[in-house]
Amino acid sequence: MMRSWQRIYGLIGLVISVVKWLVLPIALLLLAQWPLREVIQGFSREANDLGQLLFALYVAVALTCASRKDAHLATDVLAHRYSSRVRDALVRGGLVLTLVPWTLYVLLTSAPIVWRSIIAHEAFPETYNPGYFVVKFAVWILAGLLLLQALVRIFDSAPLDRGK
């Protein structure tokens, strides 16, 4: 039977494996903007808005992926000399002291803005195209996934496969 933290870890992995494919439509929308604007003379703003929306979702999940694979910026000048047990304790302590409070702060302080945006189905400011609320909701996705990943790393003592 899988432990609950491992289930959460697996769920985060599933989200990452689905969202990573957004890079293809993002690239396509970026490439399409010039021909849409110059040749077709239409729909470039819509392509831009959709690209922004998808990019916000992609980045929200990509930061969690980087954290999960220990690929984010980290200081290792002295830590590489420490034992793996000490490094693991430093990582867990750092998560408790920095990432967990930061994610909770972001979730709580952004709640009124994000919630109002979702309820109103906020549109993009320049074009009035629908979907801008998804960009704001990506803030919650970012903070929520980072919080869950940090909690898994803090509380699950079982070795986790960092490559997936």
Protein backbone atom coordinates (compact mmCIF):
# COMPACT_ATOMS: atom_id res chain seq x y z
CA MET A 1 0.00 0.00 0.00
CA MET A 2 1.34 3.42 -1.00
CA ARG A 3 1.81 5.98 1.70
CA SER A 4 -0.16 9.21 1.43
CA TRP A 5 2.93 11.36 0.74
CA GLN A 6 3.91 9.02 -2.08
CA ARG A 7 0.42 9.37 -3.55
CA ILE A 8 0.76 13.14 -3.49
CA TYR A 9 4.20 12.79 -5.06
CA GLY A 10 2.67 10.63 -7.80
CA LEU A 11 -0.17 13.11 -8.36
CA ILE A 12 2.32 15.97 -8.74
CA GLY A 13 4.23 13.82 -11.21
CA LEU A 14 1.04 13.24 -13.20
CA VAL A 15 0.35 17.00 -13.34
CA ILE A 16 3.92 17.62 -14.52
CA SER A 17 3.73 14.91 -17.17
CA VAL A 18 0.53 16.42 -18.61
CA VAL A 19 1.47 20.11 -18.40
CA LYS A 20 4.94 19.67 -19.90
CA TRP A 21 3.25 19.20 -23.28
CA LEU A 22 1.98 22.79 -23.17
CA VAL A 23 5.39 23.85 -24.46
CA LEU A 24 4.34 22.74 -27.97
CA PRO A 25 1.21 24.90 -28.32
CA ILE A 26 3.04 27.78 -26.62
CA ALA A 27 5.80 27.63 -29.23
CA LEU A 28 3.25 27.29 -32.02
CA LEU A 29 1.30 30.33 -30.80
CA LEU A 30 4.49 32.38 -30.52
CA LEU A 31 5.51 31.43 -34.04
CA ALA A 32 2.03 32.08 -35.40
CA GLN A 33 1.74 35.66 -34.13
CA TRP A 34 3.83 37.27 -36.87
CA PRO A 35 2.06 35.55 -39.82
CA LEU A 36 -1.30 36.18 -38.19
CA ARG A 37 -0.52 39.88 -37.78
CA GLU A 38 1.29 40.50 -41.08
CA VAL A 39 -0.21 38.03 -43.54
CA ILE A 40 -3.70 37.22 -42.30
CA GLN A 41 -4.03 40.56 -40.50
CA GLY A 42 -6.08 39.10 -37.70
CA PHE A 43 -6.13 36.83 -34.66
CA SER A 44 -2.59 37.71 -33.50
CA ARG A 45 -3.93 39.19 -30.25
CA GLU A 46 -6.01 36.09 -29.62
CA ALA A 47 -2.93 33.94 -30.21
CA ASN A 48 -0.99 36.15 -27.81
CA ASP A 49 -3.66 35.92 -25.11
CA LEU A 50 -3.92 32.15 -25.40
CA GLY A 51 -0.13 31.90 -25.36
CA GLN A 52 0.03 33.96 -22.15
CA LEU A 53 -2.60 31.78 -20.53
CA LEU A 54 -0.80 28.54 -21.44
CA PHE A 55 2.58 29.99 -20.48
CA ALA A 56 1.29 30.94 -17.02
CA LEU A 57 0.14 27.36 -16.44
CA TYR A 58 3.37 25.96 -17.81
CA VAL A 59 5.59 28.12 -15.59
CA ALA A 60 3.46 27.41 -12.52
CA VAL A 61 4.14 23.71 -12.94
CA ALA A 62 7.70 24.02 -14.28
CA LEU A 63 8.96 25.57 -11.06
CA THR A 64 7.62 22.61 -9.11
CA CYS A 65 9.29 20.26 -11.58
CA ALA A 66 12.62 22.05 -11.10
CA SER A 67 12.26 21.83 -7.33
CA ARG A 68 11.33 18.16 -7.55
CA LYS A 69 14.45 17.35 -9.59
CA ASP A 70 16.70 19.60 -7.48
CA ALA A 71 17.41 21.57 -10.66
CA HIS A 72 16.66 24.99 -9.21
CA LEU A 73 19.28 27.42 -8.07
CA ALA A 74 21.03 26.14 -4.98
CA THR A 75 24.24 26.87 -3.20
CA ASP A 76 26.53 23.88 -3.21
CA VAL A 77 29.89 25.48 -2.61
CA LEU A 78 30.23 23.97 0.87
CA ALA A 79 27.31 21.55 1.00
CA HIS A 80 28.83 19.03 -1.42
CA ARG A 81 31.37 18.20 1.31
CA TYR A 82 28.65 17.27 3.80
CA SER A 83 27.21 13.81 4.13
CA SER A 84 23.96 13.10 2.32
CA ARG A 85 22.22 12.95 5.70
CA VAL A 86 23.36 16.46 6.64
CA ARG A 87 22.48 17.82 3.17
CA ASP A 88 19.02 16.26 3.44
CA ALA A 89 18.53 17.85 6.88
CA LEU A 90 19.62 21.22 5.48
CA VAL A 91 17.18 20.91 2.57
CA ARG A 92 14.30 19.96 4.88
CA GLY A 93 15.16 22.78 7.27
CA GLY A 94 15.36 25.25 4.42
CA LEU A 95 11.98 24.14 3.14
CA VAL A 96 10.42 24.54 6.60
CA LEU A 97 11.96 27.96 7.16
CA THR A 98 11.57 29.47 3.69
CA LEU A 99 9.45 27.71 1.07
CA VAL A 100 6.54 26.62 3.26
CA PRO A 101 6.00 30.09 4.79
CA TRP A 102 6.42 31.75 1.38
CA THR A 103 3.88 29.50 -0.33
CA LEU A 104 1.39 29.97 2.49
CA TYR A 105 1.90 33.73 2.30
CA VAL A 106 1.31 33.73 -1.48
CA LEU A 107 -1.79 31.55 -1.17
CA LEU A 108 -3.30 33.69 1.57
CA THR A 109 -2.46 37.16 0.28
CA SER A 110 -3.45 36.41 -3.30
CA ALA A 111 -6.71 34.73 -2.33
CA PRO A 112 -8.99 37.79 -2.62
CA ILE A 113 -7.53 38.86 -5.98
CA VAL A 114 -7.54 35.38 -7.49
CA TRP A 115 -10.98 34.53 -6.15
CA ARG A 116 -12.55 37.75 -7.49
CA SER A 117 -10.92 37.13 -10.86
CA ILE A 118 -12.27 33.57 -11.02
CA ILE A 119 -15.79 34.59 -9.98
CA ALA A 120 -15.86 37.41 -12.53
CA HIS A 121 -14.28 35.28 -15.29
CA GLU A 122 -11.86 38.16 -15.76
CA ALA A 123 -10.89 38.87 -19.37
CA PHE A 124 -7.56 40.08 -20.76
CA PRO A 125 -7.31 43.85 -20.17
CA GLU A 126 -6.40 44.97 -23.71
CA THR A 127 -8.45 42.60 -25.82
CA TYR A 128 -11.29 41.61 -23.49
CA ASN A 129 -10.72 38.02 -24.56
CA PRO A 130 -11.86 35.58 -21.87
CA GLY A 131 -9.45 33.61 -19.74
CA TYR A 132 -7.29 36.09 -17.86
CA PHE A 133 -8.55 34.59 -14.62
CA VAL A 134 -6.58 31.44 -15.50
CA VAL A 135 -3.37 33.50 -15.45
CA LYS A 136 -4.20 34.65 -11.94
CA PHE A 137 -5.25 31.15 -10.90
CA ALA A 138 -1.81 29.96 -12.01
CA VAL A 139 -0.45 31.81 -8.96
CA TRP A 140 -2.39 29.40 -6.76
CA ILE A 141 -1.26 26.44 -8.84
CA LEU A 142 2.36 27.55 -8.49
CA ALA A 143 2.20 28.07 -4.73
CA GLY A 144 0.01 25.03 -4.10
CA LEU A 145 2.19 22.60 -6.02
CA LEU A 146 5.37 24.00 -4.47
CA LEU A 147 3.81 23.65 -1.01
CA LEU A 148 2.76 20.06 -1.64
CA GLN A 149 6.17 19.16 -3.07
CA ALA A 150 7.89 20.76 -0.06
CA LEU A 151 5.66 18.86 2.37
CA VAL A 152 6.39 15.59 0.59
CA ARG A 153 10.12 16.29 0.81
CA ILE A 154 9.87 17.28 4.49
CA PHE A 155 7.67 14.49 5.81
CA ASP A 156 8.30 11.47 3.58
CA SER A 157 11.41 9.71 4.75
CA ALA A 158 11.25 7.12 1.97
CA PRO A 159 13.70 7.72 -0.86
CA LEU A 160 12.00 9.41 -3.77
CA ASP A 161 12.93 9.08 -7.40
CA ARG A 162 14.01 12.64 -8.22
CA GLY A 163 14.25 11.87 -11.93
CA LYS A 164 10.53 11.50 -12.57
